Amino acid sequence: MIVQTLAMATVDVLVSVKTNDGLAGVPGDEDGAMWLSWRIDSLGGSRLDDYRPDHLGLPDDRTLVGGQLPPGAVRAEAVDDAGQRITAVAGKGAWIAVLDQPIQGPRAPAWCWDASGAPVAPELPADWPRTRVADATEPCPACRRTVWDEVTPTDDSRGMRSIPGTNPPRRPPTDDHYAGMEPTPFVVCCACGHEESIGAMIRFSSTSDKDDAENQRRFHEAQQRIRDSQRETLATVQFPIFTDQGWPASMSGSGTSGNVVDSVSVQHGTRADQPGPTLRIETAQNGAHRDSEYAPAPSLTTGFIPRYQISPLTGRTRP
């Protein structure tokens, strides 16, 4: 047992792995909490409150992943962007692994198994409604099984979403933080417990096939709401936005990190799904983000990052 006393706290390192910066690991504190830490000589990092794995970026553009072992599990494995399977260091109720790729996007898929090699799925709360996805054919990216359930939490642990048919304020009132919202459902692999979020589709549709004037009014109101939202977003941007001079442009999207806008996309020409010249420029400011070599779109790592998606018909390649 490795025990270290740090700043009046007793730390029990459950598992560790060597990195270029020392030893990373999963320490447990004197209160029984587990942490994913890039250095075992501190409790800095992510607290592991349940069996979902977490990840941290390492200084050498690699990713540290780890988590708690569910009851009965003895081993674990993570899957990187290229589909390579990395066996984790496991023991004492925890597991940890290093992926040879920069940290990005969602956590890498991971699963645990017992002494017989059978996958072990962490138990979810019994009062969370779940329904079998009967037509599922996509294999689990972690354990490769194809049996999924759709689960609806009763808390905010998987995020919150707008209740269908409502239009909650952009900033919920302080007396009811989740006014007009409900827990976000997800799908879970029934074999190993790997979770995938469920995307949402937003579309504007007519409620009347006869009243053209009402349809037009609703359409223009929807367009105005989009423009108002875009103006509100642009008012918070703290970096210049790249566009192609002399070509009509419109904002087509944005991204955030920690509630701060760090990327803005500008569309030129026809829509991406329509025939004709198209140019989309995304300007991003996020010095901490690094794309994996397996990711589809390369990017720079510092300063302002213009990214381009140009149709073959444009003939325009100027930055």
Protein backbone atom coordinates (compact mmCIF):
# COMPACT_ATOMS: atom_id res chain seq x y z
CA MET A 1 0.00 0.00 0.00
CA ILE A 2 1.36 3.42 -0.95
CA VAL A 3 0.35 6.05 1.57
CA GLN A 4 1.46 9.66 1.48
CA THR A 5 0.73 12.42 3.96
CA LEU A 6 0.18 15.71 2.19
CA ALA A 7 -0.88 19.01 3.72
CA MET A 8 -2.58 17.40 6.71
CA ALA A 9 -4.40 14.88 4.48
CA THR A 10 -3.71 11.16 4.21
CA VAL A 11 -3.70 9.95 0.61
CA ASP A 12 -3.91 6.28 -0.40
CA VAL A 13 -2.81 5.83 -4.03
CA LEU A 14 -5.05 3.07 -5.36
CA VAL A 15 -3.49 2.73 -8.83
CA SER A 16 -0.82 4.68 -10.69
CA VAL A 17 0.81 4.87 -14.10
CA LYS A 18 4.06 6.44 -15.22
CA THR A 19 3.90 9.55 -17.40
CA ASN A 20 6.56 11.91 -18.73
CA ASP A 21 5.70 14.24 -15.85
CA GLY A 22 5.96 11.67 -13.05
CA LEU A 23 3.31 9.32 -11.71
CA ALA A 24 -0.39 9.84 -12.39
CA GLY A 25 -2.98 7.88 -10.50
CA VAL A 26 -6.20 7.53 -8.61
CA PRO A 27 -5.68 8.57 -4.99
CA GLY A 28 -8.30 8.13 -2.32
CA ASP A 29 -8.59 10.68 0.48
CA GLU A 30 -9.32 10.11 4.14
CA ASP A 31 -13.04 10.66 3.53
CA GLY A 32 -13.21 7.81 1.02
CA ALA A 33 -13.45 9.99 -2.08
CA MET A 34 -11.48 9.00 -5.20
CA TRP A 35 -9.72 11.41 -7.53
CA LEU A 36 -8.25 11.15 -11.02
CA SER A 37 -4.97 13.04 -10.71
CA TRP A 38 -2.09 13.72 -13.13
CA ARG A 39 0.28 13.69 -10.13
CA ILE A 40 -0.09 11.31 -7.18
CA ASP A 41 1.62 13.79 -4.88
CA SER A 42 -1.52 15.95 -4.81
CA LEU A 43 -5.29 15.70 -4.85
CA GLY A 44 -5.58 17.97 -7.86
CA GLY A 45 -7.74 16.64 -10.67
CA SER A 46 -11.26 15.30 -11.07
CA ARG A 47 -13.27 13.77 -8.27
CA LEU A 48 -14.79 10.41 -9.29
CA ASP A 49 -18.25 10.56 -7.75
CA ASP A 50 -19.70 7.56 -9.60
CA TYR A 51 -18.60 4.81 -11.99
CA ARG A 52 -18.46 7.00 -15.07
CA PRO A 53 -14.84 7.47 -16.19
CA ASP A 54 -13.21 10.88 -16.44
CA HIS A 55 -10.21 12.25 -18.32
CA LEU A 56 -7.44 14.83 -17.94
CA GLY A 57 -5.01 16.31 -20.42
CA LEU A 58 -1.31 15.60 -19.89
CA PRO A 59 1.42 18.14 -20.75
CA ASP A 60 2.82 15.97 -23.57
CA ASP A 61 -0.43 15.99 -25.59
CA ARG A 62 -1.62 12.67 -24.19
CA THR A 63 -4.79 11.92 -22.24
CA LEU A 64 -5.17 10.35 -18.82
CA VAL A 65 -8.39 8.35 -18.35
CA GLY A 66 -9.58 6.50 -15.29
CA GLY A 67 -12.44 5.68 -12.98
CA GLN A 68 -13.84 3.45 -10.29
CA LEU A 69 -14.20 -0.30 -10.81
CA PRO A 70 -17.83 -1.37 -10.33
CA PRO A 71 -18.44 -4.19 -7.84
CA GLY A 72 -17.19 -7.52 -9.24
CA ALA A 73 -14.93 -5.95 -11.88
CA VAL A 74 -11.20 -6.71 -11.89
CA ARG A 75 -9.95 -5.22 -15.16
CA ALA A 76 -10.71 -2.30 -17.48
CA GLU A 77 -9.98 -1.12 -21.00
CA ALA A 78 -10.23 2.20 -22.85
CA VAL A 79 -10.62 2.78 -26.59
CA ASP A 80 -8.80 5.66 -28.32
CA ASP A 81 -9.78 7.69 -31.39
CA ALA A 82 -8.20 5.16 -33.76
CA GLY A 83 -10.09 2.24 -32.20
CA GLN A 84 -7.02 0.87 -30.44
CA ARG A 85 -7.75 -0.81 -27.12
CA ILE A 86 -5.55 0.13 -24.19
CA THR A 87 -5.61 -2.18 -21.17
CA ALA A 88 -5.76 -0.15 -17.98
CA VAL A 89 -3.85 -0.56 -14.75
CA ALA A 90 -6.51 -1.76 -12.31
CA GLY A 91 -6.73 -2.62 -8.64
CA LYS A 92 -8.13 -1.59 -5.26
CA GLY A 93 -11.40 -0.43 -6.80
CA ALA A 94 -9.96 1.85 -9.49
CA TRP A 95 -8.40 1.82 -12.96
CA ILE A 96 -6.27 4.19 -15.02
CA ALA A 97 -4.74 4.36 -18.51
CA VAL A 98 -2.85 6.78 -20.76
CA LEU A 99 -4.01 7.38 -24.35
CA ASP A 100 -1.48 8.54 -26.93
CA GLN A 101 -3.66 11.41 -28.13
CA PRO A 102 -4.50 14.95 -26.96
CA ILE A 103 -7.58 15.41 -24.83
CA GLN A 104 -10.62 16.40 -26.86
CA GLY A 105 -14.38 16.16 -26.99
CA PRO A 106 -16.20 13.39 -25.13
CA ARG A 107 -14.44 10.91 -22.87
CA ALA A 108 -12.97 7.84 -24.51
CA PRO A 109 -15.20 4.74 -24.32
CA ALA A 110 -14.20 2.34 -21.54
CA TRP A 111 -15.53 -0.84 -19.97
CA CYS A 112 -14.76 -3.22 -17.12
CA TRP A 113 -14.98 -6.99 -16.79
CA ASP A 114 -14.92 -9.63 -14.07
CA ALA A 115 -12.59 -12.58 -13.46
CA SER A 116 -14.42 -14.66 -16.09
CA GLY A 117 -14.07 -11.96 -18.75
CA ALA A 118 -17.75 -10.97 -18.69
CA PRO A 119 -18.53 -7.24 -18.84
CA VAL A 120 -19.67 -5.61 -15.62
CA ALA A 121 -22.21 -2.79 -15.85
CA PRO A 122 -22.53 -0.36 -12.92
CA GLU A 123 -26.01 -0.27 -11.44
CA LEU A 124 -28.11 2.79 -12.17
CA PRO A 125 -30.73 4.05 -9.68
CA ALA A 126 -33.74 1.72 -9.66
CA ASP A 127 -36.19 4.61 -9.98
CA TRP A 128 -34.74 5.80 -13.30
CA PRO A 129 -37.20 4.67 -16.02
CA ARG A 130 -35.53 2.66 -18.78
CA THR A 131 -36.81 1.16 -22.03
CA ARG A 132 -35.12 -1.34 -24.34
CA VAL A 133 -34.09 0.11 -27.72
CA ALA A 134 -35.61 -2.64 -29.85
CA ASP A 135 -34.18 -1.58 -33.23
CA ALA A 136 -30.60 -0.92 -32.06
CA THR A 137 -27.94 -2.30 -34.41
CA GLU A 138 -24.95 -0.12 -33.49
CA PRO A 139 -22.41 -2.02 -31.35
CA CYS A 140 -21.19 -0.50 -28.13
CA PRO A 141 -17.85 1.24 -28.83
CA ALA A 142 -16.50 -0.13 -25.55
CA CYS A 143 -17.55 -3.81 -25.30
CA ARG A 144 -18.97 -4.35 -28.83
CA ARG A 145 -22.35 -5.68 -27.58
CA THR A 146 -25.52 -4.40 -29.27
CA VAL A 147 -28.13 -4.28 -26.49
CA TRP A 148 -29.10 -0.75 -25.43
CA ASP A 149 -31.62 0.82 -23.06
CA GLU A 150 -32.90 4.38 -23.11
CA VAL A 151 -32.76 5.78 -19.57
CA THR A 152 -34.39 8.89 -18.12
CA PRO A 153 -32.66 10.17 -14.96
CA THR A 154 -34.60 11.80 -12.16
CA ASP A 155 -31.80 14.29 -11.41
CA ASP A 156 -29.45 16.64 -13.28
CA SER A 157 -26.45 14.28 -13.30
CA ARG A 158 -26.68 13.82 -17.11
CA GLY A 159 -27.65 17.41 -17.84
CA MET A 160 -30.94 19.22 -18.36
CA ARG A 161 -32.89 20.11 -21.51
CA SER A 162 -35.90 22.25 -22.39
CA ILE A 163 -39.25 20.55 -21.91
CA PRO A 164 -40.77 19.95 -25.37
CA GLY A 165 -43.32 22.64 -26.17
CA THR A 166 -41.85 25.23 -23.79
CA ASN A 167 -39.49 28.12 -24.33
CA PRO A 168 -37.60 28.66 -21.05
CA PRO A 169 -35.62 31.88 -20.59
CA ARG A 170 -31.99 31.87 -21.68
CA ARG A 171 -30.99 32.46 -18.06
CA PRO A 172 -33.41 30.67 -15.68
CA PRO A 173 -34.66 32.72 -12.72
CA THR A 174 -32.67 32.30 -9.54
CA ASP A 175 -35.67 31.08 -7.55
CA ASP A 176 -36.14 28.10 -9.89
CA HIS A 177 -32.89 27.28 -11.69
CA TYR A 178 -34.46 24.55 -13.82
CA ALA A 179 -37.71 26.30 -14.74
CA GLY A 180 -39.07 24.84 -18.00
CA MET A 181 -36.43 22.10 -18.07
CA GLU A 182 -36.23 18.35 -17.50
CA PRO A 183 -33.44 15.74 -17.06
CA THR A 184 -31.74 14.73 -20.31
CA PRO A 185 -32.24 11.05 -21.24
CA PHE A 186 -29.39 8.89 -22.49
CA VAL A 187 -28.77 5.40 -23.85
CA VAL A 188 -26.73 2.86 -21.95
CA CYS A 189 -25.14 -0.41 -23.03
CA CYS A 190 -26.88 -3.14 -21.09
CA ALA A 191 -23.70 -5.26 -21.03
CA CYS A 192 -21.00 -2.88 -19.79
CA GLY A 193 -22.84 0.30 -18.84
CA HIS A 194 -21.18 2.60 -21.41
CA GLU A 195 -23.37 5.68 -21.86
CA GLU A 196 -24.09 7.77 -24.95
CA SER A 197 -25.98 11.04 -24.94
CA ILE A 198 -29.14 11.42 -27.01
CA GLY A 199 -29.07 14.25 -29.54
CA ALA A 200 -31.97 16.62 -29.98
CA MET A 201 -33.49 17.79 -33.26
CA ILE A 202 -35.05 21.23 -33.52
CA ARG A 203 -37.21 22.05 -36.50
CA PHE A 204 -39.75 24.69 -37.41
CA SER A 205 -42.97 23.31 -38.84
CA SER A 206 -46.35 24.69 -39.71
CA THR A 207 -49.39 23.92 -37.54
CA SER A 208 -51.70 24.86 -40.37
CA ASP A 209 -51.73 23.84 -44.02
CA LYS A 210 -54.37 26.44 -44.91
CA ASP A 211 -53.36 29.74 -43.29
CA ASP A 212 -50.37 30.91 -45.36
CA ALA A 213 -50.27 34.26 -43.58
CA GLU A 214 -50.00 32.55 -40.17
CA ASN A 215 -47.29 30.25 -41.48
CA GLN A 216 -45.29 33.22 -42.78
CA ARG A 217 -45.71 35.06 -39.49
CA ARG A 218 -44.44 32.09 -37.50
CA PHE A 219 -41.50 31.65 -39.90
CA HIS A 220 -40.43 35.31 -39.63
CA GLU A 221 -40.75 35.20 -35.84
CA ALA A 222 -38.52 32.12 -35.74
CA GLN A 223 -35.98 33.83 -37.99
CA GLN A 224 -36.03 36.91 -35.75
CA ARG A 225 -35.41 34.78 -32.64
CA ILE A 226 -32.39 33.23 -34.36
CA ARG A 227 -31.02 36.67 -35.29
CA ASP A 228 -31.58 37.97 -31.75
CA SER A 229 -29.76 34.97 -30.31
CA GLN A 230 -26.87 35.46 -32.72
CA ARG A 231 -26.57 39.15 -31.82
CA GLU A 232 -26.52 38.24 -28.13
CA THR A 233 -23.76 35.71 -28.79
CA LEU A 234 -21.67 38.09 -30.91
CA ALA A 235 -21.90 40.78 -28.22
CA THR A 236 -19.84 38.54 -25.91
CA VAL A 237 -17.12 37.56 -28.42
CA GLN A 238 -13.67 38.82 -27.39
CA PHE A 239 -11.72 37.97 -30.58
CA PRO A 240 -11.85 38.99 -34.27
CA ILE A 241 -13.96 36.85 -36.58
CA PHE A 242 -12.60 35.88 -40.02
CA THR A 243 -14.79 36.28 -43.14
CA ASP A 244 -14.23 36.40 -46.89
CA GLN A 245 -14.36 40.04 -47.98
CA GLY A 246 -16.72 40.88 -50.80
CA TRP A 247 -18.89 37.79 -50.35
CA PRO A 248 -22.19 38.04 -48.42
CA ALA A 249 -21.87 36.17 -45.14
CA SER A 250 -24.04 35.13 -42.23
CA MET A 251 -23.34 33.57 -38.86
CA SER A 252 -24.04 29.84 -39.01
CA GLY A 253 -22.98 28.60 -35.59
CA SER A 254 -20.87 29.06 -32.48
CA GLY A 255 -19.17 27.01 -29.78
CA THR A 256 -18.56 27.58 -26.10
CA SER A 257 -16.15 26.38 -23.44
CA GLY A 258 -17.01 27.00 -19.81
CA ASN A 259 -19.93 29.29 -20.84
CA VAL A 260 -17.50 31.45 -22.85
CA VAL A 261 -17.88 31.71 -26.63
CA ASP A 262 -14.63 30.40 -28.17
CA SER A 263 -15.61 29.77 -31.80
CA VAL A 264 -17.84 31.38 -34.42
CA SER A 265 -18.74 29.94 -37.86
CA VAL A 266 -19.57 32.18 -40.82
CA GLN A 267 -21.35 30.84 -43.91
CA HIS A 268 -20.77 32.29 -47.41
CA GLY A 269 -22.69 31.48 -50.57
CA THR A 270 -25.29 28.72 -50.63
CA ARG A 271 -26.11 26.48 -47.69
CA ALA A 272 -23.83 23.50 -47.20
CA ASP A 273 -26.62 21.09 -48.17
CA GLN A 274 -27.51 22.99 -51.36
CA PRO A 275 -25.80 22.94 -54.78
CA GLY A 276 -23.57 25.87 -55.63
CA PRO A 277 -20.51 27.68 -54.23
CA THR A 278 -20.13 27.32 -50.47
CA LEU A 279 -17.50 28.54 -48.04
CA ARG A 280 -17.67 28.15 -44.26
CA ILE A 281 -15.04 29.78 -42.06
CA GLU A 282 -14.78 28.90 -38.39
CA THR A 283 -12.67 31.15 -36.18
CA ALA A 284 -11.77 29.57 -32.85
CA GLN A 285 -9.80 30.77 -29.89
CA ASN A 286 -8.88 27.99 -27.52
CA GLY A 287 -5.19 27.55 -26.78
CA ALA A 288 -5.85 24.51 -24.59
CA HIS A 289 -7.58 22.50 -27.32
CA ARG A 290 -5.57 20.07 -29.43
CA ASP A 291 -7.10 17.80 -32.04
CA SER A 292 -6.07 14.17 -32.20
CA GLU A 293 -4.17 13.09 -35.29
CA TYR A 294 -7.18 10.85 -35.98
CA ALA A 295 -9.69 13.72 -35.84
CA PRO A 296 -11.15 14.72 -39.23
CA ALA A 297 -10.27 18.43 -39.09
CA PRO A 298 -6.76 19.67 -38.27
CA SER A 299 -6.28 22.92 -36.34
CA LEU A 300 -3.59 25.20 -35.01
CA THR A 301 -3.03 25.32 -31.27
CA THR A 302 -2.52 28.97 -30.40
CA GLY A 303 -3.93 32.34 -31.38
CA PHE A 304 -6.87 32.58 -33.75
CA ILE A 305 -7.71 29.46 -35.73
CA PRO A 306 -9.48 29.91 -39.09
CA ARG A 307 -10.81 26.58 -40.36
CA TYR A 308 -12.22 26.17 -43.88
CA GLN A 309 -14.77 23.93 -45.55
CA ILE A 310 -14.76 24.83 -49.26
CA SER A 311 -16.86 23.23 -51.95
CA PRO A 312 -15.14 22.19 -55.21
CA LEU A 313 -17.19 24.79 -57.09
CA THR A 314 -15.94 27.86 -55.27
CA GLY A 315 -12.38 27.98 -56.51
CA ARG A 316 -11.67 30.22 -53.52
CA THR A 317 -8.85 29.24 -51.21
CA ARG A 318 -7.71 32.61 -49.84
CA PRO A 319 -7.40 32.86 -45.99
